[in-house]
């Protein structure tokens, strides 16, 4: 159970990648909503592909050998574009401030990645190949039997055990 890697050379050092720059160029060519791929240098594209590979390989795959190459090329290419745009998958948003009276949360940063690990296009591609510990939901999850263990339930009584 293992991925098949291509080799990308950066500063005379070989790195593993789930796709080549040529494959990424071919996949991304008809995309309308690219964030940074078209304007990036070849060297930065290669670095983004290696970084995207490392992120993808670190996921909890059900069976790596069952993931079609076309899916890996697409996911790696799309994630490389996100990385070039300065987005870190799974980073979600930063919270500037939280208030208690009349409940207020002030978020900072882009919502393009959101609270889920990957954007919706990547999630649609790889979600079915990841174990159940992968969640496409940005909602917090509470488990257990005693709500005293979950003080947020006292603050927000509509939240109960399970997904919020």
Protein backbone atom coordinates (compact mmCIF):
# COMPACT_ATOMS: atom_id res chain seq x y z
CA UNK A 1 0.00 0.00 0.00
CA UNK A 2 1.97 2.98 -1.26
CA UNK A 3 1.80 5.94 -3.59
CA UNK A 4 3.83 6.12 -6.76
CA UNK A 5 5.92 9.27 -6.82
CA UNK A 6 7.44 11.35 -9.56
CA UNK A 7 10.74 13.12 -8.93
CA UNK A 8 11.05 16.89 -8.86
CA UNK A 9 14.55 18.35 -8.72
CA UNK A 10 15.01 21.51 -6.65
CA UNK A 11 18.53 22.90 -6.25
CA UNK A 12 20.03 19.61 -7.48
CA UNK A 13 18.13 17.59 -4.82
CA UNK A 14 15.46 15.02 -5.74
CA UNK A 15 12.06 15.28 -4.04
CA UNK A 16 8.94 13.12 -4.24
CA UNK A 17 5.82 14.56 -5.82
CA UNK A 18 2.45 13.03 -6.60
CA UNK A 19 2.61 14.70 -10.01
CA UNK A 20 5.01 16.49 -12.31
CA UNK A 21 4.82 20.16 -13.18
CA UNK A 22 3.75 19.15 -16.71
CA UNK A 23 0.85 17.08 -15.30
CA UNK A 24 -0.19 19.94 -13.03
CA UNK A 25 -0.01 22.40 -15.94
CA UNK A 26 -2.20 20.09 -18.02
CA UNK A 27 -4.76 19.61 -15.23
CA UNK A 28 -4.90 23.29 -14.29
CA UNK A 29 -4.92 24.68 -17.88
CA UNK A 30 -8.74 24.95 -18.18
CA UNK A 31 -9.30 26.15 -14.58
CA UNK A 32 -10.88 29.60 -14.22
CA UNK A 33 -10.36 30.17 -10.52
CA UNK A 34 -6.63 29.67 -10.11
CA UNK A 35 -5.20 31.77 -7.34
CA UNK A 36 -1.50 31.85 -8.19
CA UNK A 37 -0.42 29.00 -10.47
CA UNK A 38 -0.41 30.94 -13.74
CA UNK A 39 1.87 33.69 -12.42
CA UNK A 40 4.28 31.53 -10.39
CA UNK A 41 7.79 30.71 -11.54
CA UNK A 42 8.58 27.11 -12.45
CA UNK A 43 10.82 26.85 -9.36
CA UNK A 44 7.98 27.96 -7.08
CA UNK A 45 5.53 25.62 -8.83
CA UNK A 46 7.92 22.73 -8.13
CA UNK A 47 8.21 23.73 -4.46
CA UNK A 48 4.42 23.99 -4.18
CA UNK A 49 3.96 20.53 -5.72
CA UNK A 50 6.43 19.00 -3.25
CA UNK A 51 4.75 20.79 -0.33
CA UNK A 52 1.29 19.69 -1.51
CA UNK A 53 2.55 16.12 -1.80
CA UNK A 54 3.80 16.18 1.78
CA UNK A 55 0.44 17.44 3.03
CA UNK A 56 -1.52 14.85 1.06
CA UNK A 57 0.72 11.92 1.97
CA UNK A 58 0.34 12.77 5.67
CA UNK A 59 -3.44 12.21 5.55
CA UNK A 60 -5.16 9.09 6.92
CA UNK A 61 -5.78 7.13 3.73
CA UNK A 62 -7.94 4.00 3.73
CA UNK A 63 -5.77 2.37 1.05
CA UNK A 64 -3.22 4.49 -0.79
CA UNK A 65 -3.03 2.02 -3.67
CA UNK A 66 -6.78 2.42 -4.32
CA UNK A 67 -6.55 6.16 -5.07
CA UNK A 68 -6.56 6.72 -8.85
CA UNK A 69 -3.55 8.58 -10.25
CA UNK A 70 -5.87 11.13 -11.85
CA UNK A 71 -7.31 12.00 -8.43
CA UNK A 72 -3.84 12.45 -6.95
CA UNK A 73 -2.74 14.64 -9.85
CA UNK A 74 -5.84 16.81 -9.53
CA UNK A 75 -5.65 17.14 -5.73
CA UNK A 76 -1.91 17.82 -5.77
CA UNK A 77 -2.28 20.43 -8.51
CA UNK A 78 -5.15 22.26 -6.82
CA UNK A 79 -3.39 22.24 -3.46
CA UNK A 80 -0.17 23.54 -5.05
CA UNK A 81 -2.17 26.50 -6.41
CA UNK A 82 -3.53 27.19 -2.91
CA UNK A 83 -0.06 27.03 -1.38
CA UNK A 84 1.31 29.42 -4.00
CA UNK A 85 -1.49 31.82 -3.03
CA UNK A 86 -0.30 31.69 0.59
CA UNK A 87 -3.15 29.53 1.86
CA UNK A 88 -2.37 26.72 4.28
CA UNK A 89 -4.96 23.95 4.08
CA UNK A 90 -6.58 23.36 7.44
CA UNK A 91 -5.57 26.69 8.86
CA UNK A 92 -9.09 28.04 8.81
CA UNK A 93 -9.44 31.52 10.20
CA UNK A 94 -7.83 33.33 13.08
CA UNK A 95 -10.06 34.73 15.79
CA UNK A 96 -9.50 38.40 16.59
CA UNK A 97 -11.88 38.60 19.53
CA UNK A 98 -14.69 36.80 21.34
CA UNK A 99 -17.40 38.49 23.42
CA UNK A 100 -19.82 36.93 25.89
CA UNK A 101 -22.62 39.51 26.05
CA UNK A 102 -24.86 38.99 22.99
CA UNK A 103 -22.22 36.50 21.77
CA UNK A 104 -19.85 37.90 19.16
CA UNK A 105 -16.88 36.32 17.35
CA UNK A 106 -14.66 38.42 15.11
CA UNK A 107 -12.69 36.40 12.54
CA UNK A 108 -9.59 37.52 10.72
CA UNK A 109 -8.26 36.39 7.36
CA UNK A 110 -9.53 34.72 4.25
CA UNK A 111 -12.44 32.34 4.27
CA UNK A 112 -11.28 30.59 1.11
CA UNK A 113 -9.84 27.59 2.95
CA UNK A 114 -12.41 27.72 5.70
CA UNK A 115 -12.46 25.52 8.75
CA UNK A 116 -12.24 22.21 6.91
CA UNK A 117 -8.87 20.73 6.04
CA UNK A 118 -9.14 21.36 2.31
CA UNK A 119 -11.19 23.48 -0.03
CA UNK A 120 -14.33 21.89 -1.44
CA UNK A 121 -12.72 20.84 -4.74
CA UNK A 122 -9.97 18.89 -3.02
CA UNK A 123 -12.39 17.44 -0.46
CA UNK A 124 -14.64 16.23 -3.30
CA UNK A 125 -11.66 14.53 -4.94
CA UNK A 126 -10.09 12.76 -1.96
CA UNK A 127 -12.71 12.60 0.79
CA UNK A 128 -13.94 9.12 -0.11
CA UNK A 129 -10.39 7.71 0.08
CA UNK A 130 -9.67 8.98 3.60
CA UNK A 131 -10.51 7.21 6.83
CA UNK A 132 -13.51 8.26 8.88
CA UNK A 133 -11.25 10.28 11.16
CA UNK A 134 -11.14 12.83 8.36
CA UNK A 135 -13.95 15.31 8.74
CA UNK A 136 -15.22 17.57 5.99
CA UNK A 137 -17.23 19.50 8.55
CA UNK A 138 -15.97 22.71 10.05
CA UNK A 139 -18.22 22.23 13.07
CA UNK A 140 -16.75 21.34 16.43
CA UNK A 141 -17.43 17.84 17.71
CA UNK A 142 -18.25 16.97 21.30
CA UNK A 143 -18.45 13.44 22.57
CA UNK A 144 -18.98 11.70 25.89
CA UNK A 145 -21.90 11.29 28.21
CA UNK A 146 -21.52 14.06 30.77
CA UNK A 147 -22.28 17.58 29.54
CA UNK A 148 -20.37 18.94 32.54
CA UNK A 149 -17.24 17.94 30.64
CA UNK A 150 -18.21 20.38 27.89
CA UNK A 151 -18.53 23.91 29.29
CA UNK A 152 -19.49 25.26 25.86
CA UNK A 153 -22.84 23.51 26.34
CA UNK A 154 -23.51 25.83 29.26
CA UNK A 155 -22.67 28.88 27.16
CA UNK A 156 -24.59 27.70 24.11
CA UNK A 157 -27.43 25.46 25.34
CA UNK A 158 -28.48 24.57 21.77
CA UNK A 159 -25.24 22.62 21.36
CA UNK A 160 -25.44 19.06 22.55
CA UNK A 161 -23.32 15.97 22.19
CA UNK A 162 -22.35 15.34 18.58
CA UNK A 163 -21.70 17.83 15.82
CA UNK A 164 -22.59 21.39 16.64
